[in-house]
Amino acid sequence: MMMLVKYSGSFAGDSWSSVQCEYTLPVGLRPPIEVNGVVCVSNGQTSRMLVVNPNGTIRCANMGAAGSSEGCVGSLCYPIS
């Protein structure tokens, strides 16, 4: 089986801003290691990263440089047992 996590939204535009999902993944759906994927920003500014941690938290973060407050969308997929 595979787990798909998708993010769509926007948040503060400084270099290292991030937003954490209010929902925590249940134990059976968590990855054994941190998994991450690039999130595309609508105006092409600095990329963001979508991160799912082994503790079940999900976070989307600006990755330095100028940052961006524009809307973005991205997803990642990982195997679960």
PDB file of N, CA and C in Angstrom:
ATOM      1  N   MET A   1       0.838  -1.181   0.000  1.00  0.00           N
ATOM      2  CA  MET A   1       0.000   0.000   0.000  1.00  0.00           C
ATOM      3  C   MET A   1       0.880   1.239   0.000  1.00  0.00           C
ATOM      4  N   MET A   2       0.321   2.334  -0.496  1.00  0.00           N
ATOM      5  CA  MET A   2       1.041   3.601  -0.552  1.00  0.00           C
ATOM      6  C   MET A   2       0.239   4.666   0.175  1.00  0.00           C
ATOM      7  N   MET A   3       0.936   5.606   0.763  1.00  0.00           N
ATOM      8  CA  MET A   3       0.320   6.745   1.442  1.00  0.00           C
ATOM      9  C   MET A   3       0.608   7.985   0.615  1.00  0.00           C
ATOM     10  N   LEU A   4      -0.417   8.780   0.303  1.00  0.00           N
ATOM     11  CA  LEU A   4      -0.274  10.022  -0.446  1.00  0.00           C
ATOM     12  C   LEU A   4      -0.613  11.180   0.477  1.00  0.00           C
ATOM     13  N   VAL A   5       0.281  12.166   0.551  1.00  0.00           N
ATOM     14  CA  VAL A   5       0.053  13.373   1.336  1.00  0.00           C
ATOM     15  C   VAL A   5       0.117  14.547   0.372  1.00  0.00           C
ATOM     16  N   LYS A   6      -0.902  15.415   0.396  1.00  0.00           N
ATOM     17  CA  LYS A   6      -0.960  16.564  -0.506  1.00  0.00           C
ATOM     18  C   LYS A   6      -1.130  17.839   0.294  1.00  0.00           C
ATOM     19  N   TYR A   7      -0.440  18.900  -0.149  1.00  0.00           N
ATOM     20  CA  TYR A   7      -0.600  20.220   0.462  1.00  0.00           C
ATOM     21  C   TYR A   7      -1.013  21.209  -0.605  1.00  0.00           C
ATOM     22  N   SER A   8      -1.954  22.078  -0.261  1.00  0.00           N
ATOM     23  CA  SER A   8      -2.368  23.159  -1.136  1.00  0.00           C
ATOM     24  C   SER A   8      -2.723  24.338  -0.238  1.00  0.00           C
ATOM     25  N   GLY A   9      -2.063  25.480  -0.431  1.00  0.00           N
ATOM     26  CA  GLY A   9      -2.350  26.637   0.400  1.00  0.00           C
ATOM     27  C   GLY A   9      -1.268  27.678   0.309  1.00  0.00           C
ATOM     28  N   SER A  10      -1.261  28.581   1.268  1.00  0.00           N
ATOM     29  CA  SER A  10      -0.237  29.619   1.343  1.00  0.00           C
ATOM     30  C   SER A  10      -0.007  29.971   2.805  1.00  0.00           C
ATOM     31  N   PHE A  11       1.136  30.608   3.083  1.00  0.00           N
ATOM     32  CA  PHE A  11       1.450  31.059   4.439  1.00  0.00           C
ATOM     33  C   PHE A  11       2.488  32.166   4.364  1.00  0.00           C
ATOM     34  N   ALA A  12       2.970  32.648   5.505  1.00  0.00           N
ATOM     35  CA  ALA A  12       3.886  33.797   5.574  1.00  0.00           C
ATOM     36  C   ALA A  12       5.044  33.677   4.593  1.00  0.00           C
ATOM     37  N   GLY A  13       5.537  34.816   4.133  1.00  0.00           N
ATOM     38  CA  GLY A  13       6.519  34.821   3.065  1.00  0.00           C
ATOM     39  C   GLY A  13       7.967  34.984   3.454  1.00  0.00           C
ATOM     40  N   ASP A  14       8.342  34.953   4.739  1.00  0.00           N
ATOM     41  CA  ASP A  14       9.771  35.120   5.027  1.00  0.00           C
ATOM     42  C   ASP A  14      10.538  33.833   4.727  1.00  0.00           C
ATOM     43  N   SER A  15      11.848  33.930   4.712  1.00  0.00           N
ATOM     44  CA  SER A  15      12.726  32.865   4.212  1.00  0.00           C
ATOM     45  C   SER A  15      12.492  31.482   4.800  1.00  0.00           C
ATOM     46  N   TRP A  16      12.205  31.390   6.078  1.00  0.00           N
ATOM     47  CA  TRP A  16      12.122  30.072   6.715  1.00  0.00           C
ATOM     48  C   TRP A  16      10.768  29.821   7.376  1.00  0.00           C
ATOM     49  N   SER A  17       9.718  30.486   6.896  1.00  0.00           N
ATOM     50  CA  SER A  17       8.368  30.256   7.437  1.00  0.00           C
ATOM     51  C   SER A  17       7.932  28.823   7.176  1.00  0.00           C
ATOM     52  N   SER A  18       7.080  28.328   8.041  1.00  0.00           N
ATOM     53  CA  SER A  18       6.515  27.004   7.831  1.00  0.00           C
ATOM     54  C   SER A  18       5.135  26.940   8.466  1.00  0.00           C
ATOM     55  N   VAL A  19       4.385  25.940   8.075  1.00  0.00           N
ATOM     56  CA  VAL A  19       3.075  25.698   8.647  1.00  0.00           C
ATOM     57  C   VAL A  19       2.975  24.205   8.937  1.00  0.00           C
ATOM     58  N   GLN A  20       2.424  23.877  10.113  1.00  0.00           N
ATOM     59  CA  GLN A  20       2.272  22.475  10.479  1.00  0.00           C
ATOM     60  C   GLN A  20       0.801  22.109  10.436  1.00  0.00           C
ATOM     61  N   CYS A  21       0.510  20.966   9.871  1.00  0.00           N
ATOM     62  CA  CYS A  21      -0.852  20.452   9.785  1.00  0.00           C
ATOM     63  C   CYS A  21      -1.387  20.181  11.197  1.00  0.00           C
ATOM     64  N   GLU A  22      -2.647  20.492  11.410  1.00  0.00           N
ATOM     65  CA  GLU A  22      -3.275  20.231  12.707  1.00  0.00           C
ATOM     66  C   GLU A  22      -3.469  18.748  12.950  1.00  0.00           C
ATOM     67  N   TYR A  23      -3.516  17.979  11.876  1.00  0.00           N
ATOM     68  CA  TYR A  23      -3.752  16.543  11.938  1.00  0.00           C
ATOM     69  C   TYR A  23      -2.422  15.796  12.072  1.00  0.00           C
ATOM     70  N   THR A  24      -2.364  14.804  12.942  1.00  0.00           N
ATOM     71  CA  THR A  24      -1.198  13.930  13.068  1.00  0.00           C
ATOM     72  C   THR A  24      -1.577  12.554  12.536  1.00  0.00           C
ATOM     73  N   LEU A  25      -0.740  12.018  11.670  1.00  0.00           N
ATOM     74  CA  LEU A  25      -1.030  10.703  11.084  1.00  0.00           C
ATOM     75  C   LEU A  25      -1.058   9.614  12.154  1.00  0.00           C
ATOM     76  N   PRO A  26      -2.005   8.682  12.070  1.00  0.00           N
ATOM     77  CA  PRO A  26      -2.019   7.564  13.005  1.00  0.00           C
ATOM     78  C   PRO A  26      -0.823   6.637  12.754  1.00  0.00           C
ATOM     79  N   VAL A  27      -0.447   5.873  13.740  1.00  0.00           N
ATOM     80  CA  VAL A  27       0.758   5.031  13.702  1.00  0.00           C
ATOM     81  C   VAL A  27       0.869   4.193  12.437  1.00  0.00           C
ATOM     82  N   GLY A  28      -0.171   3.556  11.979  1.00  0.00           N
ATOM     83  CA  GLY A  28      -0.100   2.684  10.817  1.00  0.00           C
ATOM     84  C   GLY A  28       0.145   3.388   9.488  1.00  0.00           C
ATOM     85  N   LEU A  29       0.011   4.727   9.471  1.00  0.00           N
ATOM     86  CA  LEU A  29       0.193   5.487   8.236  1.00  0.00           C
ATOM     87  C   LEU A  29       1.456   6.343   8.234  1.00  0.00           C
ATOM     88  N   ARG A  30       2.242   6.246   9.281  1.00  0.00           N
ATOM     89  CA  ARG A  30       3.470   7.049   9.402  1.00  0.00           C
ATOM     90  C   ARG A  30       4.628   6.397   8.646  1.00  0.00           C
ATOM     91  N   PRO A  31       5.526   7.228   8.089  1.00  0.00           N
ATOM     92  CA  PRO A  31       6.714   6.664   7.442  1.00  0.00           C
ATOM     93  C   PRO A  31       7.749   6.245   8.486  1.00  0.00           C
ATOM     94  N   PRO A  32       8.592   5.268   8.189  1.00  0.00           N
ATOM     95  CA  PRO A  32       9.615   4.847   9.148  1.00  0.00           C
ATOM     96  C   PRO A  32      10.760   5.856   9.264  1.00  0.00           C
ATOM     97  N   ILE A  33      10.935   6.692   8.241  1.00  0.00           N
ATOM     98  CA  ILE A  33      11.944   7.757   8.244  1.00  0.00           C
ATOM     99  C   ILE A  33      11.280   9.022   7.711  1.00  0.00           C
ATOM    100  N   GLU A  34      11.927  10.175   7.891  1.00  0.00           N
ATOM    101  CA  GLU A  34      11.390  11.417   7.334  1.00  0.00           C
ATOM    102  C   GLU A  34      11.333  11.327   5.814  1.00  0.00           C
ATOM    103  N   VAL A  35      10.199  11.705   5.244  1.00  0.00           N
ATOM    104  CA  VAL A  35      10.076  11.775   3.783  1.00  0.00           C
ATOM    105  C   VAL A  35       9.714  13.208   3.413  1.00  0.00           C
ATOM    106  N   ASN A  36      10.198  13.661   2.253  1.00  0.00           N
ATOM    107  CA  ASN A  36       9.909  15.027   1.849  1.00  0.00           C
ATOM    108  C   ASN A  36       9.834  15.134   0.337  1.00  0.00           C
ATOM    109  N   GLY A  37       9.211  16.202  -0.111  1.00  0.00           N
ATOM    110  CA  GLY A  37       9.068  16.462  -1.535  1.00  0.00           C
ATOM    111  C   GLY A  37       8.950  17.951  -1.787  1.00  0.00           C
ATOM    112  N   VAL A  38       9.267  18.367  -2.983  1.00  0.00           N
ATOM    113  CA  VAL A  38       9.212  19.775  -3.364  1.00  0.00           C
ATOM    114  C   VAL A  38       7.772  20.197  -3.602  1.00  0.00           C
ATOM    115  N   VAL A  39       7.450  21.401  -3.172  1.00  0.00           N
ATOM    116  CA  VAL A  39       6.146  22.003  -3.381  1.00  0.00           C
ATOM    117  C   VAL A  39       6.329  23.177  -4.338  1.00  0.00           C
ATOM    118  N   CYS A  40       5.550  23.234  -5.390  1.00  0.00           N
ATOM    119  CA  CYS A  40       5.675  24.299  -6.396  1.00  0.00           C
ATOM    120  C   CYS A  40       4.864  25.521  -5.981  1.00  0.00           C
ATOM    121  N   VAL A  41       5.508  26.689  -6.032  1.00  0.00           N
ATOM    122  CA  VAL A  41       4.854  27.952  -5.720  1.00  0.00           C
ATOM    123  C   VAL A  41       4.314  28.543  -7.023  1.00  0.00           C
ATOM    124  N   SER A  42       3.103  29.077  -6.983  1.00  0.00           N
ATOM    125  CA  SER A  42       2.405  29.497  -8.208  1.00  0.00           C
ATOM    126  C   SER A  42       3.135  30.545  -9.031  1.00  0.00           C
ATOM    127  N   ASN A  43       3.920  31.428  -8.413  1.00  0.00           N
ATOM    128  CA  ASN A  43       4.599  32.459  -9.189  1.00  0.00           C
ATOM    129  C   ASN A  43       6.062  32.118  -9.488  1.00  0.00           C
ATOM    130  N   GLY A  44       6.482  30.890  -9.184  1.00  0.00           N
ATOM    131  CA  GLY A  44       7.835  30.453  -9.508  1.00  0.00           C
ATOM    132  C   GLY A  44       8.910  30.915  -8.540  1.00  0.00           C
ATOM    133  N   GLN A  45       8.536  31.535  -7.425  1.00  0.00           N
ATOM    134  CA  GLN A  45       9.538  31.954  -6.449  1.00  0.00           C
ATOM    135  C   GLN A  45      10.122  30.734  -5.738  1.00  0.00           C
ATOM    136  N   THR A  46      10.837  30.974  -4.678  1.00  0.00           N
ATOM    137  CA  THR A  46      11.519  29.942  -3.907  1.00  0.00           C
ATOM    138  C   THR A  46      10.649  28.719  -3.656  1.00  0.00           C
ATOM    139  N   SER A  47      11.213  27.548  -3.877  1.00  0.00           N
ATOM    140  CA  SER A  47      10.480  26.296  -3.641  1.00  0.00           C
ATOM    141  C   SER A  47      10.210  26.092  -2.158  1.00  0.00           C
ATOM    142  N   ARG A  48       9.204  25.294  -1.908  1.00  0.00           N
ATOM    143  CA  ARG A  48       8.890  24.883  -0.541  1.00  0.00           C
ATOM    144  C   ARG A  48       9.077  23.386  -0.441  1.00  0.00           C
ATOM    145  N   MET A  49       9.112  22.900   0.780  1.00  0.00           N
ATOM    146  CA  MET A  49       9.296  21.480   1.036  1.00  0.00           C
ATOM    147  C   MET A  49       8.119  20.975   1.865  1.00  0.00           C
ATOM    148  N   LEU A  50       7.546  19.856   1.451  1.00  0.00           N
ATOM    149  CA  LEU A  50       6.515  19.156   2.210  1.00  0.00           C
ATOM    150  C   LEU A  50       7.209  18.019   2.944  1.00  0.00           C
ATOM    151  N   VAL A  51       7.035  17.954   4.262  1.00  0.00           N
ATOM    152  CA  VAL A  51       7.766  16.989   5.096  1.00  0.00           C
ATOM    153  C   VAL A  51       6.784  16.188   5.949  1.00  0.00           C
ATOM    154  N   VAL A  52       6.945  14.861   5.936  1.00  0.00           N
ATOM    155  CA  VAL A  52       6.189  13.981   6.830  1.00  0.00           C
ATOM    156  C   VAL A  52       7.209  13.274   7.714  1.00  0.00           C
ATOM    157  N   ASN A  53       7.049  13.413   9.027  1.00  0.00           N
ATOM    158  CA  ASN A  53       7.989  12.849   9.999  1.00  0.00           C
ATOM    159  C   ASN A  53       7.500  11.513  10.562  1.00  0.00           C
ATOM    160  N   PRO A  54       8.425  10.696  11.060  1.00  0.00           N
ATOM    161  CA  PRO A  54       8.051   9.406  11.644  1.00  0.00           C
ATOM    162  C   PRO A  54       7.094   9.518  12.840  1.00  0.00           C
ATOM    163  N   ASN A  55       7.028  10.713  13.461  1.00  0.00           N
ATOM    164  CA  ASN A  55       6.101  10.895  14.585  1.00  0.00           C
ATOM    165  C   ASN A  55       4.695  11.273  14.111  1.00  0.00           C
ATOM    166  N   GLY A  56       4.491  11.345  12.775  1.00  0.00           N
ATOM    167  CA  GLY A  56       3.174  11.602  12.216  1.00  0.00           C
ATOM    168  C   GLY A  56       2.870  13.053  11.905  1.00  0.00           C
ATOM    169  N   THR A  57       3.799  13.971  12.211  1.00  0.00           N
ATOM    170  CA  THR A  57       3.547  15.375  11.907  1.00  0.00           C
ATOM    171  C   THR A  57       3.814  15.663  10.433  1.00  0.00           C
ATOM    172  N   ILE A  58       3.048  16.601   9.895  1.00  0.00           N
ATOM    173  CA  ILE A  58       3.161  17.023   8.494  1.00  0.00           C
ATOM    174  C   ILE A  58       3.418  18.524   8.499  1.00  0.00           C
ATOM    175  N   ARG A  59       4.401  18.952   7.704  1.00  0.00           N
ATOM    176  CA  ARG A  59       4.796  20.360   7.696  1.00  0.00           C
ATOM    177  C   ARG A  59       5.141  20.782   6.277  1.00  0.00           C
ATOM    178  N   CYS A  60       4.844  22.050   5.945  1.00  0.00           N
ATOM    179  CA  CYS A  60       5.259  22.649   4.681  1.00  0.00           C
ATOM    180  C   CYS A  60       6.079  23.882   5.039  1.00  0.00           C
ATOM    181  N   ALA A  61       7.245  24.057   4.392  1.00  0.00           N
ATOM    182  CA  ALA A  61       8.161  25.129   4.781  1.00  0.00           C
ATOM    183  C   ALA A  61       8.814  25.805   3.588  1.00  0.00           C
ATOM    184  N   ASN A  62       9.015  27.139   3.698  1.00  0.00           N
ATOM    185  CA  ASN A  62       9.852  27.859   2.744  1.00  0.00           C
ATOM    186  C   ASN A  62      11.280  27.362   2.920  1.00  0.00           C
ATOM    187  N   MET A  63      12.052  27.406   1.857  1.00  0.00           N
ATOM    188  CA  MET A  63      13.409  26.865   1.924  1.00  0.00           C
ATOM    189  C   MET A  63      14.471  27.943   1.711  1.00  0.00           C
ATOM    190  N   GLY A  64      14.356  29.038   2.443  1.00  0.00           N
ATOM    191  CA  GLY A  64      15.375  30.080   2.398  1.00  0.00           C
ATOM    192  C   GLY A  64      15.186  31.058   1.266  1.00  0.00           C
ATOM    193  N   ALA A  65      16.267  31.739   0.904  1.00  0.00           N
ATOM    194  CA  ALA A  65      16.279  32.783  -0.125  1.00  0.00           C
ATOM    195  C   ALA A  65      15.236  33.841   0.203  1.00  0.00           C
ATOM    196  N   ALA A  66      14.454  34.268  -0.782  1.00  0.00           N
ATOM    197  CA  ALA A  66      13.500  35.353  -0.581  1.00  0.00           C
ATOM    198  C   ALA A  66      12.205  34.904   0.081  1.00  0.00           C
ATOM    199  N   GLY A  67      11.927  33.626   0.090  1.00  0.00           N
ATOM    200  CA  GLY A  67      10.657  33.135   0.618  1.00  0.00           C
ATOM    201  C   GLY A  67       9.529  33.510  -0.323  1.00  0.00           C
ATOM    202  N   SER A  68       8.310  33.185   0.024  1.00  0.00           N
ATOM    203  CA  SER A  68       7.154  33.492  -0.809  1.00  0.00           C
ATOM    204  C   SER A  68       5.888  33.368   0.015  1.00  0.00           C
ATOM    205  N   SER A  69       4.935  34.261  -0.253  1.00  0.00           N
ATOM    206  CA  SER A  69       3.624  34.152   0.388  1.00  0.00           C
ATOM    207  C   SER A  69       2.565  33.719  -0.628  1.00  0.00           C
ATOM    208  N   GLU A  70       2.982  33.369  -1.824  1.00  0.00           N
ATOM    209  CA  GLU A  70       2.069  32.922  -2.876  1.00  0.00           C
ATOM    210  C   GLU A  70       1.513  31.528  -2.579  1.00  0.00           C
ATOM    211  N   GLY A  71       0.402  31.199  -3.198  1.00  0.00           N
ATOM    212  CA  GLY A  71      -0.186  29.875  -3.066  1.00  0.00           C
ATOM    213  C   GLY A  71       0.718  28.816  -3.666  1.00  0.00           C
ATOM    214  N   CYS A  72       0.602  27.596  -3.168  1.00  0.00           N
ATOM    215  CA  CYS A  72       1.439  26.509  -3.667  1.00  0.00           C
ATOM    216  C   CYS A  72       0.691  25.192  -3.566  1.00  0.00           C
ATOM    217  N   VAL A  73       1.228  24.205  -4.282  1.00  0.00           N
ATOM    218  CA  VAL A  73       0.647  22.866  -4.240  1.00  0.00           C
ATOM    219  C   VAL A  73       1.761  21.849  -4.405  1.00  0.00           C
ATOM    220  N   GLY A  74       1.647  20.741  -3.707  1.00  0.00           N
ATOM    221  CA  GLY A  74       2.640  19.675  -3.828  1.00  0.00           C
ATOM    222  C   GLY A  74       2.144  18.416  -3.129  1.00  0.00           C
ATOM    223  N   SER A  75       2.796  17.311  -3.430  1.00  0.00           N
ATOM    224  CA  SER A  75       2.411  16.052  -2.805  1.00  0.00           C
ATOM    225  C   SER A  75       3.625  15.134  -2.701  1.00  0.00           C
ATOM    226  N   LEU A  76       3.497  14.142  -1.863  1.00  0.00           N
ATOM    227  CA  LEU A  76       4.522  13.102  -1.773  1.00  0.00           C
ATOM    228  C   LEU A  76       3.839  11.786  -1.472  1.00  0.00           C
ATOM    229  N   CYS A  77       4.523  10.719  -1.806  1.00  0.00           N
ATOM    230  CA  CYS A  77       3.970   9.375  -1.672  1.00  0.00           C
ATOM    231  C   CYS A  77       5.038   8.468  -1.088  1.00  0.00           C
ATOM    232  N   TYR A  78       4.659   7.585  -0.176  1.00  0.00           N
ATOM    233  CA  TYR A  78       5.609   6.648   0.406  1.00  0.00           C
ATOM    234  C   TYR A  78       4.893   5.330   0.726  1.00  0.00           C
ATOM    235  N   PRO A  79       5.648   4.233   0.734  1.00  0.00           N
ATOM    236  CA  PRO A  79       5.039   2.917   1.014  1.00  0.00           C
ATOM    237  C   PRO A  79       4.739   2.743   2.501  1.00  0.00           C
ATOM    238  N   ILE A  80       3.646   2.070   2.799  1.00  0.00           N
ATOM    239  CA  ILE A  80       3.318   1.689   4.174  1.00  0.00           C
ATOM    240  C   ILE A  80       3.037   0.196   4.191  1.00  0.00           C
ATOM    241  N   SER A  81       3.232  -0.428   5.338  1.00  0.00           N
ATOM    242  CA  SER A  81       2.996  -1.867   5.406  1.00  0.00           C
ATOM    243  C   SER A  81       1.709  -2.191   6.110  1.00  0.00           C
TER     244      SER A  81
END
